[in-house]
Amino acid sequence: MLTCKDFLSELSDYLDANIDAELRAKLERHITECPNCWVIADTTRKTIQIYKGMEPCAIPADVESRLMKALEKKMAAKGR
């Protein structure tokens, strides 16, 4: 029997249909029995559909600069 943690770890492949039929059946059985995972799968699926219909949008240069600095700081801290 799958746990919610198992379901979440397979969610991306489940939504992309990149899993074998047996695992897909187990995941679908889990979401029919677990309302929390059903909501997560449904919301994620709908979010993907919305974003697929949008045009890419460039972020402002100052936002990109702050983001890159934050990422560099985070990566440096991980390297310690």
N, C-alpha and C. Protein backbone atom coordinates (compact mmCIF):
# COMPACT_ATOMS: atom_id res chain seq x y z
N MET A 1 0.84 -1.18 0.00
CA MET A 1 0.00 0.00 0.00
C MET A 1 0.89 1.24 0.00
N LEU A 2 0.54 2.19 -0.82
CA LEU A 2 1.32 3.42 -0.93
C LEU A 2 0.98 4.39 0.20
N THR A 3 1.98 5.11 0.64
CA THR A 3 1.76 6.18 1.61
C THR A 3 1.62 7.50 0.84
N CYS A 4 1.21 8.53 1.54
CA CYS A 4 1.12 9.85 0.92
C CYS A 4 2.51 10.31 0.46
N LYS A 5 3.52 10.00 1.24
CA LYS A 5 4.89 10.36 0.88
C LYS A 5 5.29 9.66 -0.43
N ASP A 6 4.93 8.39 -0.57
CA ASP A 6 5.20 7.65 -1.81
C ASP A 6 4.50 8.32 -2.99
N PHE A 7 3.23 8.68 -2.77
CA PHE A 7 2.46 9.32 -3.83
C PHE A 7 3.12 10.62 -4.28
N LEU A 8 3.50 11.44 -3.30
CA LEU A 8 4.10 12.74 -3.63
C LEU A 8 5.43 12.58 -4.36
N SER A 9 6.19 11.55 -4.03
CA SER A 9 7.46 11.35 -4.71
C SER A 9 7.27 10.93 -6.17
N GLU A 10 6.11 10.37 -6.50
CA GLU A 10 5.82 9.93 -7.87
C GLU A 10 4.90 10.89 -8.62
N LEU A 11 4.47 11.97 -7.97
CA LEU A 11 3.47 12.86 -8.54
C LEU A 11 3.86 13.41 -9.91
N SER A 12 5.07 13.88 -10.05
CA SER A 12 5.50 14.47 -11.32
C SER A 12 5.41 13.45 -12.45
N ASP A 13 5.95 12.26 -12.23
CA ASP A 13 5.89 11.23 -13.27
C ASP A 13 4.45 10.78 -13.52
N TYR A 14 3.64 10.75 -12.48
CA TYR A 14 2.23 10.39 -12.63
C TYR A 14 1.52 11.39 -13.53
N LEU A 15 1.72 12.67 -13.29
CA LEU A 15 1.06 13.69 -14.10
C LEU A 15 1.61 13.74 -15.53
N ASP A 16 2.88 13.38 -15.71
CA ASP A 16 3.48 13.34 -17.04
C ASP A 16 3.22 12.02 -17.76
N ALA A 17 2.59 11.08 -17.07
CA ALA A 17 2.31 9.74 -17.61
C ALA A 17 3.60 9.00 -17.95
N ASN A 18 4.62 9.17 -17.12
CA ASN A 18 5.92 8.52 -17.33
C ASN A 18 6.13 7.34 -16.39
N ILE A 19 5.07 6.62 -16.07
CA ILE A 19 5.19 5.49 -15.16
C ILE A 19 4.52 4.26 -15.77
N ASP A 20 4.90 3.10 -15.27
CA ASP A 20 4.30 1.88 -15.80
C ASP A 20 2.86 1.73 -15.31
N ALA A 21 2.12 0.88 -15.97
CA ALA A 21 0.69 0.73 -15.71
C ALA A 21 0.41 0.26 -14.28
N GLU A 22 1.25 -0.62 -13.75
CA GLU A 22 1.03 -1.14 -12.40
C GLU A 22 1.16 -0.03 -11.35
N LEU A 23 2.21 0.79 -11.46
CA LEU A 23 2.40 1.88 -10.52
C LEU A 23 1.29 2.92 -10.69
N ARG A 24 0.92 3.20 -11.93
CA ARG A 24 -0.18 4.15 -12.17
C ARG A 24 -1.45 3.70 -11.48
N ALA A 25 -1.75 2.41 -11.57
CA ALA A 25 -2.96 1.87 -10.92
C ALA A 25 -2.88 2.04 -9.41
N LYS A 26 -1.70 1.80 -8.83
CA LYS A 26 -1.53 1.97 -7.38
C LYS A 26 -1.72 3.43 -6.97
N LEU A 27 -1.17 4.34 -7.77
CA LEU A 27 -1.29 5.76 -7.46
C LEU A 27 -2.74 6.21 -7.59
N GLU A 28 -3.42 5.75 -8.61
CA GLU A 28 -4.83 6.12 -8.80
C GLU A 28 -5.70 5.55 -7.69
N ARG A 29 -5.38 4.34 -7.25
CA ARG A 29 -6.12 3.75 -6.13
C ARG A 29 -5.89 4.60 -4.87
N HIS A 30 -4.65 5.04 -4.67
CA HIS A 30 -4.35 5.86 -3.49
C HIS A 30 -5.16 7.16 -3.51
N ILE A 31 -5.21 7.85 -4.65
CA ILE A 31 -5.92 9.13 -4.64
C ILE A 31 -7.44 8.96 -4.56
N THR A 32 -7.95 7.78 -4.90
CA THR A 32 -9.39 7.57 -4.69
C THR A 32 -9.70 7.36 -3.22
N GLU A 33 -8.70 6.94 -2.44
CA GLU A 33 -8.88 6.69 -1.02
C GLU A 33 -8.37 7.82 -0.13
N CYS A 34 -7.59 8.73 -0.69
CA CYS A 34 -6.96 9.79 0.11
C CYS A 34 -7.37 11.16 -0.45
N PRO A 35 -8.31 11.82 0.20
CA PRO A 35 -8.76 13.11 -0.32
C PRO A 35 -7.66 14.18 -0.37
N ASN A 36 -6.72 14.12 0.56
CA ASN A 36 -5.63 15.12 0.56
C ASN A 36 -4.76 14.98 -0.68
N CYS A 37 -4.38 13.76 -1.02
CA CYS A 37 -3.55 13.55 -2.21
C CYS A 37 -4.34 13.83 -3.49
N TRP A 38 -5.64 13.54 -3.46
CA TRP A 38 -6.47 13.86 -4.63
C TRP A 38 -6.45 15.36 -4.88
N VAL A 39 -6.60 16.16 -3.83
CA VAL A 39 -6.58 17.62 -3.98
C VAL A 39 -5.24 18.09 -4.51
N ILE A 40 -4.15 17.53 -4.00
CA ILE A 40 -2.81 17.91 -4.47
C ILE A 40 -2.66 17.58 -5.94
N ALA A 41 -3.04 16.38 -6.35
CA ALA A 41 -2.92 15.97 -7.75
C ALA A 41 -3.79 16.84 -8.64
N ASP A 42 -5.02 17.08 -8.24
CA ASP A 42 -5.95 17.87 -9.04
C ASP A 42 -5.48 19.31 -9.17
N THR A 43 -5.06 19.90 -8.06
CA THR A 43 -4.58 21.29 -8.09
C THR A 43 -3.32 21.42 -8.93
N THR A 44 -2.41 20.48 -8.79
CA THR A 44 -1.17 20.52 -9.58
C THR A 44 -1.47 20.37 -11.06
N ARG A 45 -2.36 19.45 -11.41
CA ARG A 45 -2.75 19.25 -12.80
C ARG A 45 -3.36 20.53 -13.40
N LYS A 46 -4.25 21.17 -12.65
CA LYS A 46 -4.88 22.41 -13.12
C LYS A 46 -3.87 23.54 -13.24
N THR A 47 -2.94 23.62 -12.31
CA THR A 47 -1.90 24.66 -12.36
C THR A 47 -1.04 24.49 -13.61
N ILE A 48 -0.68 23.26 -13.91
CA ILE A 48 0.12 22.99 -15.12
C ILE A 48 -0.64 23.41 -16.36
N GLN A 49 -1.93 23.11 -16.42
CA GLN A 49 -2.74 23.49 -17.58
C GLN A 49 -2.79 25.00 -17.75
N ILE A 50 -2.91 25.72 -16.64
CA ILE A 50 -2.95 27.18 -16.71
C ILE A 50 -1.63 27.72 -17.24
N TYR A 51 -0.51 27.23 -16.69
CA TYR A 51 0.80 27.74 -17.10
C TYR A 51 1.16 27.37 -18.53
N LYS A 52 0.67 26.24 -19.01
CA LYS A 52 0.95 25.86 -20.40
C LYS A 52 0.32 26.84 -21.38
N GLY A 53 -0.76 27.48 -20.96
CA GLY A 53 -1.45 28.42 -21.84
C GLY A 53 -0.92 29.83 -21.77
N MET A 54 0.10 30.08 -20.96
CA MET A 54 0.62 31.43 -20.79
C MET A 54 1.89 31.63 -21.61
N GLU A 55 2.12 32.87 -22.00
CA GLU A 55 3.35 33.25 -22.68
C GLU A 55 4.44 33.50 -21.64
N PRO A 56 5.68 33.14 -21.95
CA PRO A 56 6.78 33.44 -21.02
C PRO A 56 6.88 34.93 -20.77
N CYS A 57 7.27 35.27 -19.58
CA CYS A 57 7.38 36.67 -19.19
C CYS A 57 8.75 36.87 -18.54
N ALA A 58 9.52 37.83 -19.05
CA ALA A 58 10.84 38.10 -18.48
C ALA A 58 10.67 38.77 -17.12
N ILE A 59 11.55 38.40 -16.19
CA ILE A 59 11.50 39.06 -14.89
C ILE A 59 12.37 40.31 -14.94
N PRO A 60 12.04 41.32 -14.14
CA PRO A 60 12.84 42.54 -14.13
C PRO A 60 14.29 42.24 -13.72
N ALA A 61 15.21 43.01 -14.26
CA ALA A 61 16.64 42.80 -14.03
C ALA A 61 16.99 42.84 -12.55
N ASP A 62 16.38 43.76 -11.78
CA ASP A 62 16.71 43.85 -10.35
C ASP A 62 16.23 42.60 -9.60
N VAL A 63 15.10 42.04 -10.01
CA VAL A 63 14.60 40.82 -9.37
C VAL A 63 15.53 39.65 -9.71
N GLU A 64 15.95 39.57 -10.96
CA GLU A 64 16.87 38.50 -11.37
C GLU A 64 18.19 38.61 -10.60
N SER A 65 18.69 39.82 -10.44
CA SER A 65 19.93 40.03 -9.73
C SER A 65 19.82 39.59 -8.26
N ARG A 66 18.73 39.97 -7.60
CA ARG A 66 18.52 39.57 -6.20
C ARG A 66 18.37 38.06 -6.09
N LEU A 67 17.66 37.47 -7.02
CA LEU A 67 17.46 36.02 -7.02
C LEU A 67 18.80 35.29 -7.18
N MET A 68 19.60 35.73 -8.12
CA MET A 68 20.89 35.08 -8.36
C MET A 68 21.80 35.22 -7.14
N LYS A 69 21.81 36.38 -6.50
CA LYS A 69 22.62 36.58 -5.30
C LYS A 69 22.15 35.64 -4.18
N ALA A 70 20.84 35.52 -4.03
CA ALA A 70 20.30 34.63 -2.99
C ALA A 70 20.67 33.19 -3.28
N LEU A 71 20.59 32.77 -4.54
CA LEU A 71 20.96 31.41 -4.91
C LEU A 71 22.45 31.15 -4.68
N GLU A 72 23.28 32.12 -5.05
CA GLU A 72 24.72 31.97 -4.84
C GLU A 72 25.03 31.85 -3.34
N LYS A 73 24.36 32.63 -2.52
CA LYS A 73 24.56 32.58 -1.08
C LYS A 73 24.13 31.22 -0.53
N LYS A 74 23.00 30.73 -1.00
CA LYS A 74 22.49 29.44 -0.56
C LYS A 74 23.43 28.31 -0.97
N MET A 75 23.93 28.35 -2.20
CA MET A 75 24.85 27.31 -2.69
C MET A 75 26.17 27.36 -1.93
N ALA A 76 26.65 28.56 -1.62
CA ALA A 76 27.89 28.70 -0.86
C ALA A 76 27.73 28.11 0.54
N ALA A 77 26.57 28.33 1.14
CA ALA A 77 26.31 27.79 2.48
C ALA A 77 26.24 26.27 2.45
N LYS A 78 25.73 25.70 1.39
CA LYS A 78 25.66 24.25 1.26
C LYS A 78 27.04 23.64 1.08
N GLY A 79 27.95 24.38 0.48
CA GLY A 79 29.29 23.89 0.20
C GLY A 79 30.19 23.84 1.43
N ARG A 80 29.76 24.42 2.50
CA ARG A 80 30.59 24.47 3.72
C ARG A 80 30.70 23.15 4.39
